[in-house]
């Protein structure tokens, strides 16, 4: 007997796609995306340009980098200006770690 799983999956996917096109919003979205694909198929240079242009990703990375730098500088400032606070934080951390270890042993 021949394996029929692949044809069944393909038929199911086709039926599901057809049923989803009953919704007007889905139909309009598919038609819009199809038009975009046709346009970029005829104009591949514009597609390359759109993909290669930075769409705000580098600015998000830069803002995260700046925020991390800010917090690092803030922590360094606290360490320099308030060594007692740093010791208190370390002691609290050690206490929490000991309690966690005791809890895990029980």
C-alpha atoms as a PDB file:
ATOM      1  CA  UNK A   1       0.000   0.000   0.000  1.00  0.00           C
ATOM      2  CA  UNK A   2       1.330   3.391  -0.977  1.00  0.00           C
ATOM      3  CA  UNK A   3       1.996   6.091   1.649  1.00  0.00           C
ATOM      4  CA  UNK A   4      -0.778   8.689   1.360  1.00  0.00           C
ATOM      5  CA  UNK A   5       0.223  11.119   4.083  1.00  0.00           C
ATOM      6  CA  UNK A   6       1.870  13.720   1.821  1.00  0.00           C
ATOM      7  CA  UNK A   7      -1.015  13.982  -0.667  1.00  0.00           C
ATOM      8  CA  UNK A   8      -3.487  14.120   2.231  1.00  0.00           C
ATOM      9  CA  UNK A   9      -1.523  16.965   3.864  1.00  0.00           C
ATOM     10  CA  UNK A  10      -1.393  18.900   0.597  1.00  0.00           C
ATOM     11  CA  UNK A  11      -5.110  18.424  -0.026  1.00  0.00           C
ATOM     12  CA  UNK A  12      -5.883  19.475   3.549  1.00  0.00           C
ATOM     13  CA  UNK A  13      -3.723  22.570   3.199  1.00  0.00           C
ATOM     14  CA  UNK A  14      -5.432  23.499  -0.083  1.00  0.00           C
ATOM     15  CA  UNK A  15      -8.889  23.036   1.434  1.00  0.00           C
ATOM     16  CA  UNK A  16      -7.889  25.064   4.513  1.00  0.00           C
ATOM     17  CA  UNK A  17      -6.498  27.879   2.376  1.00  0.00           C
ATOM     18  CA  UNK A  18      -9.647  27.913   0.274  1.00  0.00           C
ATOM     19  CA  UNK A  19     -11.879  28.048   3.335  1.00  0.00           C
ATOM     20  CA  UNK A  20      -9.845  30.863   4.855  1.00  0.00           C
ATOM     21  CA  UNK A  21     -10.475  32.928   1.710  1.00  0.00           C
ATOM     22  CA  UNK A  22     -14.164  33.080   2.635  1.00  0.00           C
ATOM     23  CA  UNK A  23     -13.239  35.919   5.022  1.00  0.00           C
ATOM     24  CA  UNK A  24     -13.187  39.242   3.163  1.00  0.00           C
ATOM     25  CA  UNK A  25     -10.264  40.662   5.175  1.00  0.00           C
ATOM     26  CA  UNK A  26      -8.138  37.615   4.432  1.00  0.00           C
ATOM     27  CA  UNK A  27      -8.989  37.817   0.734  1.00  0.00           C
ATOM     28  CA  UNK A  28      -8.035  41.505   0.582  1.00  0.00           C
ATOM     29  CA  UNK A  29      -4.788  40.867   2.449  1.00  0.00           C
ATOM     30  CA  UNK A  30      -3.843  38.015   0.102  1.00  0.00           C
ATOM     31  CA  UNK A  31      -4.624  40.133  -2.957  1.00  0.00           C
ATOM     32  CA  UNK A  32      -2.570  43.056  -1.614  1.00  0.00           C
ATOM     33  CA  UNK A  33       0.401  40.820  -0.828  1.00  0.00           C
ATOM     34  CA  UNK A  34       0.144  39.220  -4.261  1.00  0.00           C
ATOM     35  CA  UNK A  35       0.258  42.653  -5.905  1.00  0.00           C
ATOM     36  CA  UNK A  36       3.321  43.547  -3.831  1.00  0.00           C
ATOM     37  CA  UNK A  37       5.041  40.298  -4.842  1.00  0.00           C
ATOM     38  CA  UNK A  38       4.287  40.916  -8.510  1.00  0.00           C
ATOM     39  CA  UNK A  39       5.659  44.462  -8.264  1.00  0.00           C
ATOM     40  CA  UNK A  40       8.887  43.344  -6.582  1.00  0.00           C
ATOM     41  CA  UNK A  41       9.238  40.459  -9.051  1.00  0.00           C
ATOM     42  CA  UNK A  42       9.249  43.034 -11.857  1.00  0.00           C
ATOM     43  CA  UNK A  43      11.509  45.443  -9.894  1.00  0.00           C
ATOM     44  CA  UNK A  44      14.064  43.308  -8.021  1.00  0.00           C
ATOM     45  CA  UNK A  45      16.414  46.258  -7.461  1.00  0.00           C
ATOM     46  CA  UNK A  46      13.791  47.983  -5.332  1.00  0.00           C
ATOM     47  CA  UNK A  47      13.260  44.784  -3.366  1.00  0.00           C
ATOM     48  CA  UNK A  48      17.006  44.568  -2.673  1.00  0.00           C
ATOM     49  CA  UNK A  49      17.087  48.218  -1.660  1.00  0.00           C
ATOM     50  CA  UNK A  50      14.133  47.801   0.684  1.00  0.00           C
ATOM     51  CA  UNK A  51      15.666  44.732   2.302  1.00  0.00           C
ATOM     52  CA  UNK A  52      19.113  46.268   2.650  1.00  0.00           C
ATOM     53  CA  UNK A  53      17.926  49.592   4.052  1.00  0.00           C
ATOM     54  CA  UNK A  54      17.995  49.799   7.794  1.00  0.00           C
ATOM     55  CA  UNK A  55      14.394  49.798   8.887  1.00  0.00           C
ATOM     56  CA  UNK A  56      15.049  51.111  12.379  1.00  0.00           C
ATOM     57  CA  UNK A  57      16.774  47.946  13.573  1.00  0.00           C
ATOM     58  CA  UNK A  58      20.128  49.633  14.150  1.00  0.00           C
ATOM     59  CA  UNK A  59      18.498  52.466  16.074  1.00  0.00           C
ATOM     60  CA  UNK A  60      16.808  49.948  18.390  1.00  0.00           C
ATOM     61  CA  UNK A  61      20.151  48.257  18.918  1.00  0.00           C
ATOM     62  CA  UNK A  62      21.832  51.594  19.576  1.00  0.00           C
ATOM     63  CA  UNK A  63      19.200  52.597  22.115  1.00  0.00           C
ATOM     64  CA  UNK A  64      19.589  49.272  23.941  1.00  0.00           C
ATOM     65  CA  UNK A  65      23.353  49.709  23.913  1.00  0.00           C
ATOM     66  CA  UNK A  66      23.030  53.234  25.315  1.00  0.00           C
ATOM     67  CA  UNK A  67      20.679  52.074  28.046  1.00  0.00           C
ATOM     68  CA  UNK A  68      23.036  49.261  29.060  1.00  0.00           C
ATOM     69  CA  UNK A  69      25.894  51.762  29.134  1.00  0.00           C
ATOM     70  CA  UNK A  70      23.826  54.108  31.317  1.00  0.00           C
ATOM     71  CA  UNK A  71      23.044  51.374  33.845  1.00  0.00           C
ATOM     72  CA  UNK A  72      26.657  50.214  33.908  1.00  0.00           C
ATOM     73  CA  UNK A  73      27.837  53.765  34.632  1.00  0.00           C
ATOM     74  CA  UNK A  74      25.140  54.187  37.294  1.00  0.00           C
ATOM     75  CA  UNK A  75      26.188  50.987  39.055  1.00  0.00           C
ATOM     76  CA  UNK A  76      29.850  52.022  38.927  1.00  0.00           C
ATOM     77  CA  UNK A  77      28.940  55.401  40.413  1.00  0.00           C
ATOM     78  CA  UNK A  78      27.022  53.735  43.241  1.00  0.00           C
ATOM     79  CA  UNK A  79      29.977  51.441  43.916  1.00  0.00           C
ATOM     80  CA  UNK A  80      32.406  54.337  44.086  1.00  0.00           C
ATOM     81  CA  UNK A  81      30.235  56.670  46.153  1.00  0.00           C
ATOM     82  CA  UNK A  82      28.651  54.154  48.486  1.00  0.00           C
ATOM     83  CA  UNK A  83      30.777  51.076  49.252  1.00  0.00           C
ATOM     84  CA  UNK A  84      28.590  50.226  52.263  1.00  0.00           C
ATOM     85  CA  UNK A  85      25.577  49.824  49.997  1.00  0.00           C
ATOM     86  CA  UNK A  86      27.543  47.502  47.738  1.00  0.00           C
ATOM     87  CA  UNK A  87      28.508  45.355  50.737  1.00  0.00           C
ATOM     88  CA  UNK A  88      24.877  45.279  51.923  1.00  0.00           C
ATOM     89  CA  UNK A  89      23.727  44.140  48.484  1.00  0.00           C
ATOM     90  CA  UNK A  90      26.396  41.423  48.391  1.00  0.00           C
ATOM     91  CA  UNK A  91      25.381  40.245  51.869  1.00  0.00           C
ATOM     92  CA  UNK A  92      21.716  40.129  50.854  1.00  0.00           C
ATOM     93  CA  UNK A  93      22.623  38.166  47.735  1.00  0.00           C
ATOM     94  CA  UNK A  94      24.629  35.679  49.788  1.00  0.00           C
ATOM     95  CA  UNK A  95      21.735  35.287  52.219  1.00  0.00           C
ATOM     96  CA  UNK A  96      19.271  34.610  49.390  1.00  0.00           C
ATOM     97  CA  UNK A  97      21.667  32.131  47.794  1.00  0.00           C
ATOM     98  CA  UNK A  98      22.096  30.237  51.087  1.00  0.00           C
ATOM     99  CA  UNK A  99      18.323  30.093  51.631  1.00  0.00           C
ATOM    100  CA  UNK A 100      17.793  28.887  48.072  1.00  0.00           C
ATOM    101  CA  UNK A 101      20.426  26.178  48.502  1.00  0.00           C
ATOM    102  CA  UNK A 102      18.874  25.060  51.802  1.00  0.00           C
ATOM    103  CA  UNK A 103      15.440  24.956  50.184  1.00  0.00           C
ATOM    104  CA  UNK A 104      16.774  22.847  47.312  1.00  0.00           C
ATOM    105  CA  UNK A 105      18.410  20.387  49.744  1.00  0.00           C
ATOM    106  CA  UNK A 106      15.152  19.839  51.644  1.00  0.00           C
END
